[in-house]
Amino acid sequence: MAGVEQHLSLSEAFNVYVLQVPTYHLIVELLLVLLIVKLLFTKNFNPSPKKKNALTKEEEEELLREWQPEPLVPASVSKEGPTESGPVVSGSAGPRIVVNGTEAINLATFNFHNLLEHPDVKDAAVNTVSKYGVGSCGPRGFYGTVDVHLELESALAAFTRREEAIVYSYGFTTIASVIPAYSKRKDIIFCDEGVNFAIQKGLEASRSKVHFFRHNDMNHLEELLSEQNKHDKKNPAKAKVTRKFIISEGLFSYYGDIAPLPKMVELRDKYNIPILLDESLSFGVLGETGHGATEHWGLHLSRVDIIMASLENALATQGGFCSGKAYVINHQRLSGSGYCFSASLPPLCAVAGAKALEIIEKSPEIIAKLRENTILLRSELKSVVGLLVIGDDVSPVVHLRLSTSSGTRAQDNQLLEQIVGMALEEGVCLGTAKYLEDEEKNPPPPSIQAVVNGSLSREDLLKAAKVIKNAAEHYLQ
């Protein structure tokens, strides 16, 4: 009797369940039951069944004999290109340089103030080696932070009039690490199309949406910002969580011209978008006291939100830095890939950089001398037939482009290399601007690159200009 009652209760429960549960729920449960039954009675899957048309041993051996591996280096790569070893320098790269055994006036390296050979810098580096050795052997977060790193960061923060600075061990890595530390996927960057390769790599690493504006064209930048502002108003919730940045160089390495910061800062204020400025070439060079592009334009340094720069040019050492508000900079100590995963800057380079910065602060006359030499060389080169002098009058990075192309980039580069080669034979060391043609976003036209050194005499500069003129006339007429 109890069994009948139990049976009836189960039947009643089932009827109630069927009546109360939605039909689609019953269908899904039935399908799941059928799937379980199918899996229970299905034979085990054999991942490597015996193929009906398996190759014979002879056929396999024939295929192996015919197979040819692809070359590690594509056949299209020229054996006469930049893969060959370049010029070899013997000794210090000061105002005079020995290249491949030939002494020449140095217009090839970015040793703007010749601090590379300054006795105080050299003495400081030698003393540091005696105390700390030659390297750090560890990233900053893993016992790679030495007291001299903190001293250099404090000095850089004070010089740039920021709350804090962070030092990286390599200049290129600094620029390429700072950008993705702040801008991520779905964020938006407005960037000058003429920026250097380090910035381009930083843009790629960020995976952000990048809008390029025409080189130094602030009208085009404002058009892009205005268009973005209209999109933001349509979707304010998305706009609120989307970070936006303006990125440019203070002094452009590919053009030798200066960013129009006054208008850029005006747009920054209007659209409330921070500026990240690469001052690798303008730091220690532009302005009355070497404070960079902001000082050149008479702007307060705080008008640019984040400054990043290499220490490998005006300071003649190694590494790079970024400065800004304390909470902004501290973010990089856990998110700057080049800071977190690279061995820290060798202590001797940190001390050399701090000493070089001290010399620039105490000796503003070296900034004036560099500017004087720059104006002189540029004025002399403007009369060179067949070459155009590119860049701002106070820019010590001088690009000389062909006034008329010979047909292709390869032909132009070859012609410019011949001019550079003849100049070296006559005692003037220059270089042609090098680009990774297949990877550059917007490579500029080929050019000869001359870099002014403030320690060169007037006679050196006049001789260099004459040699360049003669070489240009020889190959371009």
Foldseek 3Di string as FASTA:
>chain_A
DVVVVVVVVVVVVVVVCVVPDDPVVVVVVVVVVVVVVCVVPDDDDDPDDDDPPDDDPVVVVVVVVPDDDDDPDDPPDDPPDPVDDDWDWDDDQAQWTQTPNFIFGDQAAQQAARLVPDPVLVVLLVVCCVPFNFFQPAFCVPRLDDVLQQVLFVLVCVLLVAPTKHWFAAFLLQLLQLLLLPAADAAEEEEAQQADPSNVNNVVVRNYHYHYFYHLDLVRVVVVLVVVVVVCVVPVVSVVPHAYEYEYEQQHLQFRAGRPVVSVLVVCVVSVHAYEYEDAQQQLAAALLRSGNCNNVPHRSVSHAKYKYACCHNLVAGTIMMGHYPVSNVSCCPRRCSRGPDRGHTSSRSSSSSVSSVCSNVCSVLNVLSQVLQLLLLVLQPPQPQWHWGYDSRRQKTWTAGPDDPPDLVVRQVLVVQLQVQLVVVRHHWAKDDDPVVPRSDRDRTTIITGTHSPDDPVSSNSSSVSSSVSCVVRPD
